[in-house]
PDB file of N, CA and C in Angstrom:
ATOM      1  N   MET A   1     150.081  74.083 222.602  1.00  0.00           N
ATOM      2  CA  MET A   1     151.400  74.253 221.953  1.00  0.00           C
ATOM      3  C   MET A   1     152.254  75.141 222.878  1.00  0.00           C
ATOM      4  N   ARG A   2     153.324  74.834 223.018  1.00  0.00           N
ATOM      5  CA  ARG A   2     154.211  75.511 224.117  1.00  0.00           C
ATOM      6  C   ARG A   2     154.568  76.929 223.423  1.00  0.00           C
ATOM      7  N   PRO A   3     155.353  77.680 224.314  1.00  0.00           N
ATOM      8  CA  PRO A   3     155.665  79.269 223.741  1.00  0.00           C
ATOM      9  C   PRO A   3     156.817  78.855 222.623  1.00  0.00           C
ATOM     10  N   VAL A   4     157.054  79.590 221.803  1.00  0.00           N
ATOM     11  CA  VAL A   4     158.167  79.420 220.891  1.00  0.00           C
ATOM     12  C   VAL A   4     159.106  80.574 220.706  1.00  0.00           C
ATOM     13  N   SER A   5     160.436  80.787 220.506  1.00  0.00           N
ATOM     14  CA  SER A   5     161.164  81.970 220.409  1.00  0.00           C
ATOM     15  C   SER A   5     162.124  81.804 219.168  1.00  0.00           C
ATOM     16  N   LEU A   6     161.396  82.563 218.197  1.00  0.00           N
ATOM     17  CA  LEU A   6     161.986  82.421 216.820  1.00  0.00           C
ATOM     18  C   LEU A   6     163.492  83.246 216.380  1.00  0.00           C
ATOM     19  N   GLY A   7     164.062  84.148 217.587  1.00  0.00           N
ATOM     20  CA  GLY A   7     164.815  85.156 217.163  1.00  0.00           C
ATOM     21  C   GLY A   7     164.820  86.330 216.184  1.00  0.00           C
ATOM     22  N   ARG A   8     165.680  86.887 215.878  1.00  0.00           N
ATOM     23  CA  ARG A   8     165.675  87.881 214.727  1.00  0.00           C
ATOM     24  C   ARG A   8     166.333  87.344 213.726  1.00  0.00           C
ATOM     25  N   PRO A   9     165.781  87.530 212.633  1.00  0.00           N
ATOM     26  CA  PRO A   9     166.537  86.951 211.166  1.00  0.00           C
ATOM     27  C   PRO A   9     167.814  87.822 210.968  1.00  0.00           C
ATOM     28  N   ASN A  10     168.715  87.297 210.494  1.00  0.00           N
ATOM     29  CA  ASN A  10     169.900  87.866 209.860  1.00  0.00           C
ATOM     30  C   ASN A  10     169.798  88.089 208.398  1.00  0.00           C
ATOM     31  N   LEU A  11     169.831  89.437 208.024  1.00  0.00           N
ATOM     32  CA  LEU A  11     169.384  89.815 206.517  1.00  0.00           C
ATOM     33  C   LEU A  11     170.760  90.067 205.621  1.00  0.00           C
ATOM     34  N   ARG A  12     171.934  89.175 205.891  1.00  0.00           N
ATOM     35  CA  ARG A  12     173.055  89.342 205.182  1.00  0.00           C
ATOM     36  C   ARG A  12     172.794  89.015 204.009  1.00  0.00           C
ATOM     37  N   SER A  13     172.203  87.406 203.705  1.00  0.00           N
ATOM     38  CA  SER A  13     171.959  87.082 202.156  1.00  0.00           C
ATOM     39  C   SER A  13     170.916  86.126 202.315  1.00  0.00           C
ATOM     40  N   ASP A  14     170.413  85.931 201.094  1.00  0.00           N
ATOM     41  CA  ASP A  14     168.990  85.231 200.627  1.00  0.00           C
ATOM     42  C   ASP A  14     169.020  83.926 201.525  1.00  0.00           C
ATOM     43  N   LYS A  15     170.356  83.306 201.537  1.00  0.00           N
ATOM     44  CA  LYS A  15     170.110  81.612 201.799  1.00  0.00           C
ATOM     45  C   LYS A  15     170.107  81.861 203.639  1.00  0.00           C
ATOM     46  N   ILE A  16     170.610  82.860 203.931  1.00  0.00           N
ATOM     47  CA  ILE A  16     170.634  82.985 205.482  1.00  0.00           C
ATOM     48  C   ILE A  16     169.337  83.192 205.687  1.00  0.00           C
ATOM     49  N   TRP A  17     168.584  83.946 205.292  1.00  0.00           N
ATOM     50  CA  TRP A  17     167.163  84.535 205.365  1.00  0.00           C
ATOM     51  C   TRP A  17     166.406  83.194 205.362  1.00  0.00           C
ATOM     52  N   ARG A  18     166.650  82.210 204.190  1.00  0.00           N
ATOM     53  CA  ARG A  18     165.701  81.085 203.853  1.00  0.00           C
ATOM     54  C   ARG A  18     166.045  80.219 204.893  1.00  0.00           C
ATOM     55  N   ASP A  19     167.354  79.992 205.499  1.00  0.00           N
ATOM     56  CA  ASP A  19     167.587  79.153 206.543  1.00  0.00           C
ATOM     57  C   ASP A  19     166.805  79.348 207.994  1.00  0.00           C
ATOM     58  N   TRP A  20     166.784  80.518 208.119  1.00  0.00           N
ATOM     59  CA  TRP A  20     166.206  81.210 209.187  1.00  0.00           C
ATOM     60  C   TRP A  20     164.557  80.833 208.940  1.00  0.00           C
ATOM     61  N   VAL A  21     163.897  80.970 208.269  1.00  0.00           N
ATOM     62  CA  VAL A  21     162.481  80.685 207.880  1.00  0.00           C
ATOM     63  C   VAL A  21     162.270  79.487 208.062  1.00  0.00           C
ATOM     64  N   GLU A  22     163.130  78.527 207.356  1.00  0.00           N
ATOM     65  CA  GLU A  22     162.944  77.209 207.578  1.00  0.00           C
ATOM     66  C   GLU A  22     163.263  76.529 209.068  1.00  0.00           C
ATOM     67  N   SER A  23     164.058  77.267 209.961  1.00  0.00           N
ATOM     68  CA  SER A  23     164.228  76.871 211.403  1.00  0.00           C
ATOM     69  C   SER A  23     163.000  77.530 212.099  1.00  0.00           C
ATOM     70  N   CYS A  24     162.762  78.612 211.562  1.00  0.00           N
ATOM     71  CA  CYS A  24     161.109  78.888 212.274  1.00  0.00           C
ATOM     72  C   CYS A  24     160.004  77.877 211.999  1.00  0.00           C
ATOM     73  N   PHE A  25     159.939  77.549 210.888  1.00  0.00           N
ATOM     74  CA  PHE A  25     158.873  76.425 210.786  1.00  0.00           C
ATOM     75  C   PHE A  25     159.086  75.081 211.442  1.00  0.00           C
ATOM     76  N   ALA A  26     160.599  74.689 211.378  1.00  0.00           N
ATOM     77  CA  ALA A  26     160.899  73.779 212.470  1.00  0.00           C
ATOM     78  C   ALA A  26     160.347  73.861 213.657  1.00  0.00           C
ATOM     79  N   GLU A  27     160.914  74.773 214.050  1.00  0.00           N
ATOM     80  CA  GLU A  27     160.510  75.228 215.817  1.00  0.00           C
ATOM     81  C   GLU A  27     159.037  75.175 216.084  1.00  0.00           C
ATOM     82  N   LEU A  28     158.158  75.804 214.741  1.00  0.00           N
ATOM     83  CA  LEU A  28     156.907  75.734 215.304  1.00  0.00           C
ATOM     84  C   LEU A  28     156.334  74.232 215.269  1.00  0.00           C
ATOM     85  N   GLU A  29     156.487  73.560 214.576  1.00  0.00           N
ATOM     86  CA  GLU A  29     156.490  72.022 213.988  1.00  0.00           C
ATOM     87  C   GLU A  29     156.513  71.309 215.313  1.00  0.00           C
ATOM     88  N   ARG A  30     157.852  71.544 216.049  1.00  0.00           N
ATOM     89  CA  ARG A  30     158.222  70.959 217.097  1.00  0.00           C
ATOM     90  C   ARG A  30     157.385  71.183 218.265  1.00  0.00           C
ATOM     91  N   ALA A  31     157.167  72.481 218.517  1.00  0.00           N
ATOM     92  CA  ALA A  31     156.282  73.194 219.283  1.00  0.00           C
ATOM     93  C   ALA A  31     154.833  72.536 219.402  1.00  0.00           C
ATOM     94  N   SER A  32     154.326  72.324 218.030  1.00  0.00           N
ATOM     95  CA  SER A  32     152.796  71.994 218.102  1.00  0.00           C
ATOM     96  C   SER A  32     153.046  70.233 218.453  1.00  0.00           C
ATOM     97  N   GLN A  33     153.687  69.319 218.485  1.00  0.00           N
ATOM     98  CA  GLN A  33     153.806  68.104 218.797  1.00  0.00           C
ATOM     99  C   GLN A  33     153.593  67.985 220.407  1.00  0.00           C
ATOM    100  N   GLU A  34     153.373  68.890 221.184  1.00  0.00           N
ATOM    101  CA  GLU A  34     153.334  68.512 222.607  1.00  0.00           C
ATOM    102  C   GLU A  34     152.072  67.586 222.722  1.00  0.00           C
ATOM    103  N   ASP A  35     152.405  66.777 223.565  1.00  0.00           N
ATOM    104  CA  ASP A  35     151.649  65.937 223.962  1.00  0.00           C
ATOM    105  C   ASP A  35     150.353  66.264 225.021  1.00  0.00           C
ATOM    106  N   LEU A  36     149.109  66.433 224.252  1.00  0.00           N
ATOM    107  CA  LEU A  36     147.783  66.813 224.798  1.00  0.00           C
ATOM    108  C   LEU A  36     147.637  66.435 226.064  1.00  0.00           C
ATOM    109  N   SER A  37     147.805  65.158 226.323  1.00  0.00           N
ATOM    110  CA  SER A  37     147.536  64.452 227.775  1.00  0.00           C
ATOM    111  C   SER A  37     148.357  65.267 228.722  1.00  0.00           C
ATOM    112  N   ALA A  38     149.690  65.223 228.325  1.00  0.00           N
ATOM    113  CA  ALA A  38     150.584  66.093 229.494  1.00  0.00           C
ATOM    114  C   ALA A  38     150.074  67.514 229.850  1.00  0.00           C
ATOM    115  N   VAL A  39     149.650  68.210 228.971  1.00  0.00           N
ATOM    116  CA  VAL A  39     149.094  69.586 229.129  1.00  0.00           C
ATOM    117  C   VAL A  39     148.040  69.475 229.969  1.00  0.00           C
ATOM    118  N   ALA A  40     146.827  68.484 229.607  1.00  0.00           N
ATOM    119  CA  ALA A  40     145.503  68.431 230.172  1.00  0.00           C
ATOM    120  C   ALA A  40     145.623  67.721 231.851  1.00  0.00           C
ATOM    121  N   ALA A  41     146.735  66.951 232.038  1.00  0.00           N
ATOM    122  CA  ALA A  41     147.280  66.601 233.262  1.00  0.00           C
ATOM    123  C   ALA A  41     147.197  67.661 234.356  1.00  0.00           C
ATOM    124  N   ASP A  42     147.549  69.079 234.028  1.00  0.00           N
ATOM    125  CA  ASP A  42     147.421  69.993 234.846  1.00  0.00           C
ATOM    126  C   ASP A  42     146.331  70.578 235.426  1.00  0.00           C
ATOM    127  N   PHE A  43     145.186  70.170 234.789  1.00  0.00           N
ATOM    128  CA  PHE A  43     143.950  70.513 235.087  1.00  0.00           C
ATOM    129  C   PHE A  43     143.123  69.365 235.974  1.00  0.00           C
ATOM    130  N   THR A  44     142.415  69.880 236.797  1.00  0.00           N
ATOM    131  CA  THR A  44     141.386  69.055 237.690  1.00  0.00           C
ATOM    132  C   THR A  44     140.019  69.495 237.476  1.00  0.00           C
ATOM    133  N   VAL A  45     139.307  68.191 237.155  1.00  0.00           N
ATOM    134  CA  VAL A  45     137.692  68.806 236.812  1.00  0.00           C
ATOM    135  C   VAL A  45     137.158  67.933 237.877  1.00  0.00           C
ATOM    136  N   THR A  46     136.003  68.221 238.481  1.00  0.00           N
ATOM    137  CA  THR A  46     135.462  67.500 239.220  1.00  0.00           C
ATOM    138  C   THR A  46     133.678  68.024 239.004  1.00  0.00           C
ATOM    139  N   ASN A  47     132.844  67.333 239.641  1.00  0.00           N
ATOM    140  CA  ASN A  47     131.131  67.538 239.514  1.00  0.00           C
ATOM    141  C   ASN A  47     130.871  68.010 238.280  1.00  0.00           C
ATOM    142  N   PHE A  48     131.074  66.870 237.429  1.00  0.00           N
ATOM    143  CA  PHE A  48     130.695  66.982 236.034  1.00  0.00           C
ATOM    144  C   PHE A  48     129.583  66.005 235.671  1.00  0.00           C
ATOM    145  N   THR A  49     129.051  65.993 234.807  1.00  0.00           N
ATOM    146  CA  THR A  49     128.315  64.795 233.998  1.00  0.00           C
ATOM    147  C   THR A  49     129.442  64.554 232.542  1.00  0.00           C
ATOM    148  N   ALA A  50     129.750  63.514 232.145  1.00  0.00           N
ATOM    149  CA  ALA A  50     130.168  63.396 230.751  1.00  0.00           C
ATOM    150  C   ALA A  50     129.414  63.566 229.785  1.00  0.00           C
ATOM    151  N   THR A  51     129.660  64.618 228.954  1.00  0.00           N
ATOM    152  CA  THR A  51     128.725  64.820 227.834  1.00  0.00           C
ATOM    153  C   THR A  51     129.506  65.272 226.776  1.00  0.00           C
ATOM    154  N   ARG A  52     129.310  64.618 225.504  1.00  0.00           N
ATOM    155  CA  ARG A  52     129.731  64.745 224.548  1.00  0.00           C
ATOM    156  C   ARG A  52     129.272  65.376 223.172  1.00  0.00           C
ATOM    157  N   THR A  53     128.216  65.827 223.382  1.00  0.00           N
ATOM    158  CA  THR A  53     127.133  66.622 222.754  1.00  0.00           C
ATOM    159  C   THR A  53     126.790  67.732 222.937  1.00  0.00           C
ATOM    160  N   LEU A  54     126.592  68.623 221.813  1.00  0.00           N
ATOM    161  CA  LEU A  54     126.506  70.262 222.651  1.00  0.00           C
ATOM    162  C   LEU A  54     125.623  70.894 221.228  1.00  0.00           C
ATOM    163  N   ASN A  55     124.543  71.068 221.466  1.00  0.00           N
ATOM    164  CA  ASN A  55     123.853  71.980 220.501  1.00  0.00           C
ATOM    165  C   ASN A  55     123.674  73.618 220.712  1.00  0.00           C
ATOM    166  N   ALA A  56     124.925  74.154 219.865  1.00  0.00           N
ATOM    167  CA  ALA A  56     125.314  75.413 220.114  1.00  0.00           C
ATOM    168  C   ALA A  56     124.150  76.244 220.274  1.00  0.00           C
ATOM    169  N   GLY A  57     123.270  75.964 219.766  1.00  0.00           N
ATOM    170  CA  GLY A  57     122.000  76.903 219.560  1.00  0.00           C
ATOM    171  C   GLY A  57     120.975  77.184 220.809  1.00  0.00           C
ATOM    172  N   THR A  58     121.099  75.915 221.772  1.00  0.00           N
ATOM    173  CA  THR A  58     120.186  75.969 223.017  1.00  0.00           C
ATOM    174  C   THR A  58     121.322  75.636 224.317  1.00  0.00           C
ATOM    175  N   ALA A  59     122.292  75.610 224.015  1.00  0.00           N
ATOM    176  CA  ALA A  59     123.432  75.155 225.129  1.00  0.00           C
ATOM    177  C   ALA A  59     123.412  76.144 226.275  1.00  0.00           C
ATOM    178  N   THR A  60     123.189  75.568 227.601  1.00  0.00           N
ATOM    179  CA  THR A  60     123.394  76.437 228.797  1.00  0.00           C
ATOM    180  C   THR A  60     124.605  76.671 229.381  1.00  0.00           C
ATOM    181  N   THR A  61     125.076  77.295 229.942  1.00  0.00           N
ATOM    182  CA  THR A  61     126.434  77.524 230.855  1.00  0.00           C
ATOM    183  C   THR A  61     126.809  76.198 231.420  1.00  0.00           C
ATOM    184  N   GLY A  62     125.805  75.565 231.957  1.00  0.00           N
ATOM    185  CA  GLY A  62     126.088  74.269 232.211  1.00  0.00           C
ATOM    186  C   GLY A  62     126.229  72.990 231.562  1.00  0.00           C
ATOM    187  N   ASP A  63     125.834  73.165 230.010  1.00  0.00           N
ATOM    188  CA  ASP A  63     126.169  72.269 229.099  1.00  0.00           C
ATOM    189  C   ASP A  63     127.678  72.306 228.618  1.00  0.00           C
ATOM    190  N   ILE A  64     127.724  73.733 228.422  1.00  0.00           N
ATOM    191  CA  ILE A  64     129.141  74.150 227.957  1.00  0.00           C
ATOM    192  C   ILE A  64     130.178  73.464 229.200  1.00  0.00           C
ATOM    193  N   ALA A  65     130.198  73.905 230.448  1.00  0.00           N
ATOM    194  CA  ALA A  65     130.962  73.382 231.397  1.00  0.00           C
ATOM    195  C   ALA A  65     131.054  71.822 231.221  1.00  0.00           C
ATOM    196  N   ASN A  66     129.881  71.080 231.055  1.00  0.00           N
ATOM    197  CA  ASN A  66     129.993  69.639 231.043  1.00  0.00           C
ATOM    198  C   ASN A  66     130.948  68.958 229.882  1.00  0.00           C
ATOM    199  N   VAL A  67     130.684  69.682 228.694  1.00  0.00           N
ATOM    200  CA  VAL A  67     131.598  69.490 227.632  1.00  0.00           C
ATOM    201  C   VAL A  67     132.895  69.818 227.889  1.00  0.00           C
ATOM    202  N   LEU A  68     133.482  70.928 228.270  1.00  0.00           N
ATOM    203  CA  LEU A  68     134.451  71.241 228.596  1.00  0.00           C
ATOM    204  C   LEU A  68     135.492  70.301 229.458  1.00  0.00           C
ATOM    205  N   CYS A  69     134.639  70.288 230.543  1.00  0.00           N
ATOM    206  CA  CYS A  69     135.333  69.064 231.529  1.00  0.00           C
ATOM    207  C   CYS A  69     135.551  67.602 230.968  1.00  0.00           C
ATOM    208  N   THR A  70     134.423  67.318 230.053  1.00  0.00           N
ATOM    209  CA  THR A  70     134.577  65.881 229.576  1.00  0.00           C
ATOM    210  C   THR A  70     135.712  66.190 228.290  1.00  0.00           C
ATOM    211  N   LEU A  71     135.872  66.990 227.952  1.00  0.00           N
ATOM    212  CA  LEU A  71     137.071  66.998 226.881  1.00  0.00           C
ATOM    213  C   LEU A  71     138.408  67.093 227.546  1.00  0.00           C
ATOM    214  N   ILE A  72     138.615  67.867 228.650  1.00  0.00           N
ATOM    215  CA  ILE A  72     139.981  67.905 229.457  1.00  0.00           C
ATOM    216  C   ILE A  72     139.816  66.432 230.092  1.00  0.00           C
ATOM    217  N   ASP A  73     138.821  66.013 230.426  1.00  0.00           N
ATOM    218  CA  ASP A  73     138.901  64.428 231.191  1.00  0.00           C
ATOM    219  C   ASP A  73     139.189  63.409 230.190  1.00  0.00           C
ATOM    220  N   ASP A  74     138.870  63.473 228.922  1.00  0.00           N
ATOM    221  CA  ASP A  74     139.380  62.542 227.600  1.00  0.00           C
ATOM    222  C   ASP A  74     140.819  62.814 227.298  1.00  0.00           C
ATOM    223  N   LEU A  75     141.186  64.234 227.383  1.00  0.00           N
ATOM    224  CA  LEU A  75     142.458  64.325 227.233  1.00  0.00           C
ATOM    225  C   LEU A  75     143.617  63.932 228.145  1.00  0.00           C
ATOM    226  N   ARG A  76     143.332  64.114 229.354  1.00  0.00           N
ATOM    227  CA  ARG A  76     143.823  63.452 230.211  1.00  0.00           C
ATOM    228  C   ARG A  76     144.245  62.137 230.539  1.00  0.00           C
ATOM    229  N   ASN A  77     143.023  61.344 230.120  1.00  0.00           N
ATOM    230  CA  ASN A  77     143.303  59.686 229.769  1.00  0.00           C
ATOM    231  C   ASN A  77     143.229  59.368 228.371  1.00  0.00           C
ATOM    232  N   ARG A  78     144.272  60.425 227.670  1.00  0.00           N
ATOM    233  CA  ARG A  78     144.277  60.064 226.184  1.00  0.00           C
ATOM    234  C   ARG A  78     143.330  59.171 225.284  1.00  0.00           C
ATOM    235  N   GLY A  79     141.859  59.540 225.508  1.00  0.00           N
ATOM    236  CA  GLY A  79     140.993  59.066 224.705  1.00  0.00           C
ATOM    237  C   GLY A  79     139.706  58.893 225.679  1.00  0.00           C
ATOM    238  N   MET A  80     138.534  58.824 224.917  1.00  0.00           N
ATOM    239  CA  MET A  80     137.398  58.803 225.630  1.00  0.00           C
ATOM    240  C   MET A  80     137.082  57.176 226.290  1.00  0.00           C
ATOM    241  N   LYS A  81     137.839  56.244 225.447  1.00  0.00           N
ATOM    242  CA  LYS A  81     137.263  54.878 225.909  1.00  0.00           C
ATOM    243  C   LYS A  81     138.445  54.424 226.832  1.00  0.00           C
ATOM    244  N   ARG A  82     139.467  55.178 227.414  1.00  0.00           N
ATOM    245  CA  ARG A  82     140.295  54.823 228.413  1.00  0.00           C
ATOM    246  C   ARG A  82     140.088  55.612 229.607  1.00  0.00           C
ATOM    247  N   SER A  83     140.644  54.812 230.875  1.00  0.00           N
ATOM    248  CA  SER A  83     140.317  55.350 232.011  1.00  0.00           C
ATOM    249  C   SER A  83     141.554  55.232 232.971  1.00  0.00           C
TER     250      SER A  83
END
């Protein structure tokens, strides 16, 4: 999600307040529509083994790193089936 600026509400009337709240929600929705593959494109991952299973009870640092790198790589490729 990209950073958002909502400004300050104008408290002169209930309608102005409601309009401001509605515009805040609309801005948050637009910000959350960002393309994840574009965000992931700024990351470079190397030297990992593709791993999509993680046992949180026994995971090592290497296991977590492999899952994270796999997730970033999948996001960059717009899905795990694409290359």
